[in-house]
Amino acid sequence: MIKRLVSLGSVIVDLILEVPAFPDRGGDVLASQRGMVAGGAFNVLSAAARLGLPGIYAGQHGTGPFGDLVRAALTGQGMLAIMPPSPDLDTGWTLALIEPDGERTFVTVTGADAVVAPDSLRSIEYRDGDAVYVSGYDLAYPNAGGAIADHVATLASELVVVLDPGPLVADIEAGRLATALRRVDILSLNRRELDALGGLQPVMSLVRQEATVVLREGPDGAAIHRAGSTPLTVPSVPVKAVDTSGAGDVHVGANLAGLARGMTWPDAVRLANRAAAYAVSRPGPAAGPTDEELREFGATRWE
């Protein structure tokens, strides 16, 4: 049973801009600034915490205004950053461009979050019932990915390792990615990321036979895949997407919160689908819902 979420995935800052369309190359476009908020793995931790699964941040964070923002956001959700801040770098940030249909495109600038030493990972004190979240962003970073992959490979079998390969999956060094995938208990990814990995069959051959693969299909729900079992599709909730940034993160966090409650896999994924639908239906930070918010949201959408 999952009791706590430990994030190795980095928490960074999202600078969110609304754009009417992408400018032509060499051109310009007028944007509206929606906000500057904690993002990255914060969305996973927050979504889980808001549904009752406590967490801690075991990634790197910096010294400066972005690091301060990240730590304040974590504290606001009742979570600690257990590593000391880097004295030489601030936390990294992402420019998130949101188009009118809610689709998002990112440009990421790394900071302290992209520098991870093996010794810092060895200092983490795990406990029974921990789920360990790993992000493909961090596996792709030259000065972090190798240490994280090697660390994940050594984690005790009692820990639940969760990997979201993310949009930079094609930039992860193949051996490093294979090392992480061999230890994964839960792999959660979208269709674009699955295609970047060569499709379902190659992915299933890379993970352990006991692993669960959750393929997130946005408005089409999510499919649960396991070796030797018939795939199970769990439908989503029809909503008008306003902002899809962080929807996958919310899905992962809510899925883990459902499993922590003792839900079956289909029920946990259904909870995640509903939480992600809630998140994309409103502008602003990728905030997963509380139980009460989910009840209100679902009053006219499901029984």
Protein backbone atom coordinates (compact mmCIF):
# COMPACT_ATOMS: atom_id res chain seq x y z
CA MET A 1 0.00 0.00 0.00
CA ILE A 2 1.33 3.44 -0.96
CA LYS A 3 1.60 5.76 2.04
CA ARG A 4 3.86 8.60 0.88
CA LEU A 5 5.06 10.13 -2.38
CA VAL A 6 8.76 10.96 -2.72
CA SER A 7 9.57 13.07 -5.76
CA LEU A 8 12.96 12.81 -7.42
CA GLY A 9 11.37 14.71 -10.30
CA SER A 10 12.34 18.35 -10.20
CA VAL A 11 10.09 21.21 -9.14
CA ILE A 12 10.66 24.29 -11.26
CA VAL A 13 8.85 27.56 -12.00
CA ASP A 14 6.32 27.94 -14.81
CA LEU A 15 6.00 31.33 -16.49
CA ILE A 16 2.65 30.99 -18.24
CA LEU A 17 1.76 33.08 -21.30
CA GLU A 18 -1.43 33.00 -23.36
CA VAL A 19 -0.79 33.48 -27.09
CA PRO A 20 -3.38 33.85 -29.88
CA ALA A 21 -1.12 31.82 -32.18
CA PHE A 22 2.55 31.02 -32.60
CA PRO A 23 4.44 33.79 -34.43
CA ASP A 24 6.09 33.09 -37.75
CA ARG A 25 9.81 32.47 -37.57
CA GLY A 26 11.45 35.84 -37.00
CA GLY A 27 8.09 37.40 -36.13
CA ASP A 28 6.37 38.43 -32.92
CA VAL A 29 3.06 38.02 -31.15
CA LEU A 30 1.36 39.84 -28.28
CA ALA A 31 0.86 37.59 -25.26
CA SER A 32 -0.99 37.85 -21.97
CA GLN A 33 0.85 36.76 -18.85
CA ARG A 34 -1.28 34.38 -16.82
CA GLY A 35 1.08 33.90 -13.92
CA MET A 36 4.31 32.57 -12.49
CA VAL A 37 3.86 29.45 -10.37
CA ALA A 38 5.61 26.32 -9.16
CA GLY A 39 5.39 23.58 -11.78
CA GLY A 40 7.04 20.38 -12.93
CA ALA A 41 6.83 17.69 -10.27
CA PHE A 42 5.05 20.14 -7.97
CA ASN A 43 1.90 19.41 -9.97
CA VAL A 44 2.26 15.69 -9.20
CA LEU A 45 2.94 16.24 -5.51
CA SER A 46 0.13 18.77 -5.16
CA ALA A 47 -2.45 16.63 -6.98
CA ALA A 48 -1.62 13.68 -4.74
CA ALA A 49 -1.64 15.77 -1.55
CA ARG A 50 -5.00 17.37 -2.36
CA LEU A 51 -6.46 13.86 -2.53
CA GLY A 52 -4.89 12.76 0.72
CA LEU A 53 -1.48 11.31 -0.23
CA PRO A 54 1.32 13.20 1.57
CA GLY A 55 4.62 13.82 -0.14
CA ILE A 56 8.12 15.22 0.10
CA TYR A 57 10.38 16.82 -2.49
CA ALA A 58 13.74 15.05 -2.72
CA GLY A 59 15.00 16.92 -5.78
CA GLN A 60 17.29 19.90 -6.08
CA HIS A 61 16.32 23.55 -5.63
CA GLY A 62 18.25 26.77 -5.86
CA THR A 63 19.09 30.02 -4.12
CA GLY A 64 17.20 32.97 -5.53
CA PRO A 65 13.66 34.15 -6.29
CA PHE A 66 12.65 31.01 -8.16
CA GLY A 67 13.96 28.76 -5.41
CA ASP A 68 12.07 30.85 -2.86
CA LEU A 69 8.88 30.53 -4.90
CA VAL A 70 9.23 26.74 -5.11
CA ARG A 71 9.85 26.32 -1.37
CA ALA A 72 6.91 28.57 -0.51
CA ALA A 73 4.63 26.57 -2.81
CA LEU A 74 5.72 23.28 -1.25
CA THR A 75 5.22 24.65 2.25
CA GLY A 76 1.77 25.86 1.25
CA GLN A 77 0.83 22.27 0.43
CA GLY A 78 2.33 20.93 3.66
CA MET A 79 5.41 19.45 1.98
CA LEU A 80 9.12 19.76 2.66
CA ALA A 81 12.10 20.10 0.35
CA ILE A 82 14.51 17.73 2.09
CA MET A 83 17.66 18.73 0.19
CA PRO A 84 19.57 21.90 1.09
CA PRO A 85 19.35 24.62 -1.55
CA SER A 86 22.18 24.92 -4.04
CA PRO A 87 24.22 28.01 -3.10
CA ASP A 88 25.42 28.63 -6.66
CA LEU A 89 22.31 28.31 -8.83
CA ASP A 90 18.68 29.33 -8.73
CA THR A 91 15.87 26.92 -9.59
CA GLY A 92 15.15 26.50 -13.30
CA TRP A 93 12.05 27.68 -15.10
CA THR A 94 9.80 26.93 -18.05
CA LEU A 95 8.11 29.28 -20.48
CA ALA A 96 4.67 27.75 -21.10
CA LEU A 97 2.83 29.05 -24.17
CA ILE A 98 -0.91 28.35 -24.06
CA GLU A 99 -2.89 28.54 -27.32
CA PRO A 100 -6.64 29.30 -27.50
CA ASP A 101 -7.57 25.59 -27.70
CA GLY A 102 -5.68 24.91 -24.47
CA GLU A 103 -2.70 23.18 -26.08
CA ARG A 104 0.62 24.05 -24.47
CA THR A 105 4.20 24.24 -25.67
CA PHE A 106 7.22 24.60 -23.40
CA VAL A 107 10.70 26.10 -23.45
CA THR A 108 12.72 25.02 -20.41
CA VAL A 109 15.72 26.72 -18.82
CA THR A 110 17.51 24.49 -16.33
CA GLY A 111 19.00 25.55 -13.02
CA ALA A 112 19.94 23.86 -9.76
CA ASP A 113 17.35 21.19 -10.52
CA ALA A 114 19.47 19.87 -13.39
CA VAL A 115 22.58 19.16 -11.30
CA VAL A 116 22.28 16.02 -9.18
CA ALA A 117 25.16 14.30 -7.40
CA PRO A 118 24.99 10.59 -6.47
CA ASP A 119 25.85 11.40 -2.84
CA SER A 120 22.76 13.59 -2.47
CA LEU A 121 20.52 10.74 -3.64
CA ARG A 122 22.14 8.27 -1.25
CA SER A 123 21.17 10.55 1.64
CA ILE A 124 17.42 10.06 1.05
CA GLU A 125 15.78 8.03 3.81
CA TYR A 126 13.01 5.98 2.24
CA ARG A 127 10.46 4.06 4.24
CA ASP A 128 7.98 1.28 3.71
CA GLY A 129 5.04 2.44 1.61
CA ASP A 130 6.94 5.06 -0.39
CA ALA A 131 6.17 5.67 -4.05
CA VAL A 132 9.16 7.26 -5.79
CA TYR A 133 8.31 9.60 -8.68
CA VAL A 134 10.83 10.03 -11.50
CA SER A 135 10.50 12.48 -14.39
CA GLY A 136 11.97 12.04 -17.85
CA TYR A 137 13.04 15.68 -17.75
CA ASP A 138 15.59 14.86 -15.07
CA LEU A 139 16.74 11.69 -16.83
CA ALA A 140 17.45 13.83 -19.91
CA TYR A 141 19.64 16.35 -18.08
CA PRO A 142 23.36 15.61 -18.69
CA ASN A 143 24.36 16.44 -15.10
CA ALA A 144 21.46 14.68 -13.40
CA GLY A 145 20.09 11.82 -15.47
CA GLY A 146 22.87 9.31 -15.01
CA ALA A 147 22.92 9.66 -11.23
CA ILE A 148 19.12 9.39 -11.03
CA ALA A 149 18.92 6.32 -13.28
CA ASP A 150 21.65 4.53 -11.34
CA HIS A 151 19.96 5.43 -8.05
CA VAL A 152 16.57 4.19 -9.23
CA ALA A 153 18.13 0.88 -10.29
CA THR A 154 19.24 0.24 -6.70
CA LEU A 155 15.93 1.01 -4.97
CA ALA A 156 14.46 -1.73 -2.80
CA SER A 157 11.72 -3.85 -4.30
CA GLU A 158 9.32 -2.69 -1.57
CA LEU A 159 9.33 0.82 -3.04
CA VAL A 160 6.95 1.68 -5.90
CA VAL A 161 8.88 3.41 -8.70
CA VAL A 162 6.77 5.64 -10.96
CA LEU A 163 8.14 7.12 -14.19
CA ASP A 164 6.59 9.73 -16.45
CA PRO A 165 9.01 10.03 -19.41
CA GLY A 166 7.63 13.43 -20.47
CA PRO A 167 8.10 15.42 -23.67
CA LEU A 168 11.92 15.14 -23.61
CA VAL A 169 11.80 11.34 -23.77
CA ALA A 170 13.60 11.27 -27.14
CA ASP A 171 16.50 13.19 -25.56
CA ILE A 172 17.13 10.64 -22.81
CA GLU A 173 20.27 8.58 -23.47
CA ALA A 174 19.12 5.08 -24.43
CA GLY A 175 21.13 3.17 -21.83
CA ARG A 176 20.07 5.54 -19.08
CA LEU A 177 16.41 5.19 -20.03
CA ALA A 178 16.66 1.40 -20.20
CA THR A 179 18.21 1.33 -16.72
CA ALA A 180 15.28 3.29 -15.29
CA LEU A 181 12.64 1.32 -17.18
CA ARG A 182 13.94 -1.99 -15.87
CA ARG A 183 13.10 -0.88 -12.31
CA VAL A 184 9.78 0.82 -13.02
CA ASP A 185 6.60 -0.44 -11.34
CA ILE A 186 4.33 2.15 -12.97
CA LEU A 187 4.99 3.86 -16.30
CA SER A 188 2.56 6.68 -17.11
CA LEU A 189 2.83 8.37 -20.50
CA ASN A 190 0.83 9.91 -23.33
CA ARG A 191 0.52 8.84 -26.96
CA ARG A 192 3.25 11.16 -28.23
CA GLU A 193 5.71 9.81 -25.67
CA LEU A 194 4.74 6.22 -26.45
CA ASP A 195 5.37 6.80 -30.15
CA ALA A 196 8.76 8.35 -29.35
CA LEU A 197 9.65 5.10 -27.57
CA GLY A 198 8.70 3.04 -30.62
CA GLY A 199 5.18 1.97 -29.64
CA LEU A 200 3.54 -0.25 -27.08
CA GLN A 201 5.28 -3.55 -27.75
CA PRO A 202 8.84 -2.16 -27.46
CA VAL A 203 7.84 -0.39 -24.25
CA MET A 204 6.32 -3.54 -22.76
CA SER A 205 9.54 -5.40 -23.55
CA LEU A 206 11.62 -2.80 -21.69
CA VAL A 207 9.69 -2.81 -18.41
CA ARG A 208 9.43 -5.64 -15.91
CA GLN A 209 6.69 -8.19 -16.44
CA GLU A 210 5.00 -7.05 -13.23
CA ALA A 211 4.93 -3.39 -14.29
CA THR A 212 1.77 -1.47 -15.11
CA VAL A 213 1.77 0.89 -18.10
CA VAL A 214 -0.84 3.66 -18.12
CA LEU A 215 -1.35 5.21 -21.54
CA ARG A 216 -3.02 8.59 -21.12
CA GLU A 217 -5.20 9.51 -24.11
CA GLY A 218 -6.61 12.87 -22.97
CA PRO A 219 -10.32 13.12 -23.83
CA ASP A 220 -10.31 9.43 -24.80
CA GLY A 221 -9.43 8.35 -21.27
CA ALA A 222 -6.54 6.08 -20.34
CA ALA A 223 -5.62 2.47 -21.02
CA ILE A 224 -4.06 0.09 -18.50
CA HIS A 225 -1.55 -2.36 -19.95
CA ARG A 226 0.13 -5.32 -18.25
CA ALA A 227 2.09 -8.20 -19.71
CA GLY A 228 -0.15 -11.19 -20.31
CA SER A 229 -3.37 -9.25 -19.66
CA THR A 230 -6.00 -7.73 -21.93
CA PRO A 231 -5.67 -3.92 -22.03
CA LEU A 232 -8.41 -2.09 -20.15
CA THR A 233 -9.58 1.34 -21.29
CA VAL A 234 -11.07 3.64 -18.66
CA PRO A 235 -13.15 6.44 -20.26
CA SER A 236 -12.60 10.09 -19.48
CA VAL A 237 -15.02 12.92 -18.80
CA PRO A 238 -15.98 15.22 -21.70
CA VAL A 239 -14.97 18.80 -20.90
CA LYS A 240 -13.91 21.88 -22.83
CA ALA A 241 -10.14 22.13 -22.46
CA VAL A 242 -9.00 25.59 -21.40
CA ASP A 243 -5.40 24.80 -20.42
CA THR A 244 -3.82 21.34 -20.77
CA SER A 245 -0.51 22.22 -19.11
CA GLY A 246 0.19 19.88 -16.22
CA ALA A 247 -2.75 17.59 -17.00
CA GLY A 248 -0.49 14.54 -17.17
CA ASP A 249 1.10 15.49 -13.86
CA VAL A 250 -2.30 15.77 -12.19
CA HIS A 251 -3.25 12.39 -13.67
CA VAL A 252 -0.16 10.73 -12.18
CA GLY A 253 -0.65 12.30 -8.75
CA ALA A 254 -4.35 11.44 -8.58
CA ASN A 255 -3.70 7.89 -9.82
CA LEU A 256 -1.23 7.33 -6.98
CA ALA A 257 -3.63 8.88 -4.46
CA GLY A 258 -6.29 6.43 -5.62
CA LEU A 259 -3.96 3.46 -5.22
CA ALA A 260 -3.01 4.75 -1.76
CA ARG A 261 -6.71 4.57 -0.83
CA GLY A 262 -6.76 0.90 -1.76
CA MET A 263 -8.69 1.45 -4.99
CA THR A 264 -8.49 -1.10 -7.79
CA TRP A 265 -6.44 -0.06 -10.79
CA PRO A 266 -9.52 0.80 -12.92
CA ASP A 267 -10.99 2.90 -10.12
CA ALA A 268 -7.68 4.68 -9.47
CA VAL A 269 -7.32 5.52 -13.16
CA ARG A 270 -10.95 6.69 -13.26
CA LEU A 271 -10.16 9.04 -10.37
CA ALA A 272 -7.10 10.26 -12.28
CA ASN A 273 -9.13 10.83 -15.46
CA ARG A 274 -11.63 12.91 -13.52
CA ALA A 275 -8.94 14.91 -11.74
CA ALA A 276 -7.18 15.65 -15.04
CA ALA A 277 -10.49 16.70 -16.63
CA TYR A 278 -11.01 19.07 -13.71
CA ALA A 279 -7.52 20.51 -14.21
CA VAL A 280 -7.84 21.18 -17.95
CA SER A 281 -11.28 22.76 -17.60
CA ARG A 282 -9.94 25.89 -15.92
CA PRO A 283 -7.11 28.35 -16.56
CA GLY A 284 -4.10 28.82 -14.36
CA PRO A 285 -1.80 26.47 -12.50
CA ALA A 286 -2.34 22.73 -12.97
CA ALA A 287 -4.12 22.33 -9.66
CA GLY A 288 -5.63 18.95 -9.02
CA PRO A 289 -8.94 18.92 -7.15
CA THR A 290 -9.74 18.12 -3.56
CA ASP A 291 -12.43 15.51 -2.95
CA GLU A 292 -15.00 18.25 -2.40
CA GLU A 293 -14.02 20.09 -5.59
CA LEU A 294 -14.22 16.83 -7.51
CA ARG A 295 -17.69 16.11 -6.12
CA GLU A 296 -18.91 19.56 -7.17
CA PHE A 297 -17.26 19.23 -10.59
CA GLY A 298 -18.80 15.82 -11.15
CA ALA A 299 -22.30 16.62 -9.94
CA THR A 300 -23.57 17.02 -13.51
CA ARG A 301 -20.92 14.92 -15.24
CA TRP A 302 -21.06 11.48 -13.64
CA GLU A 303 -23.21 9.50 -11.26
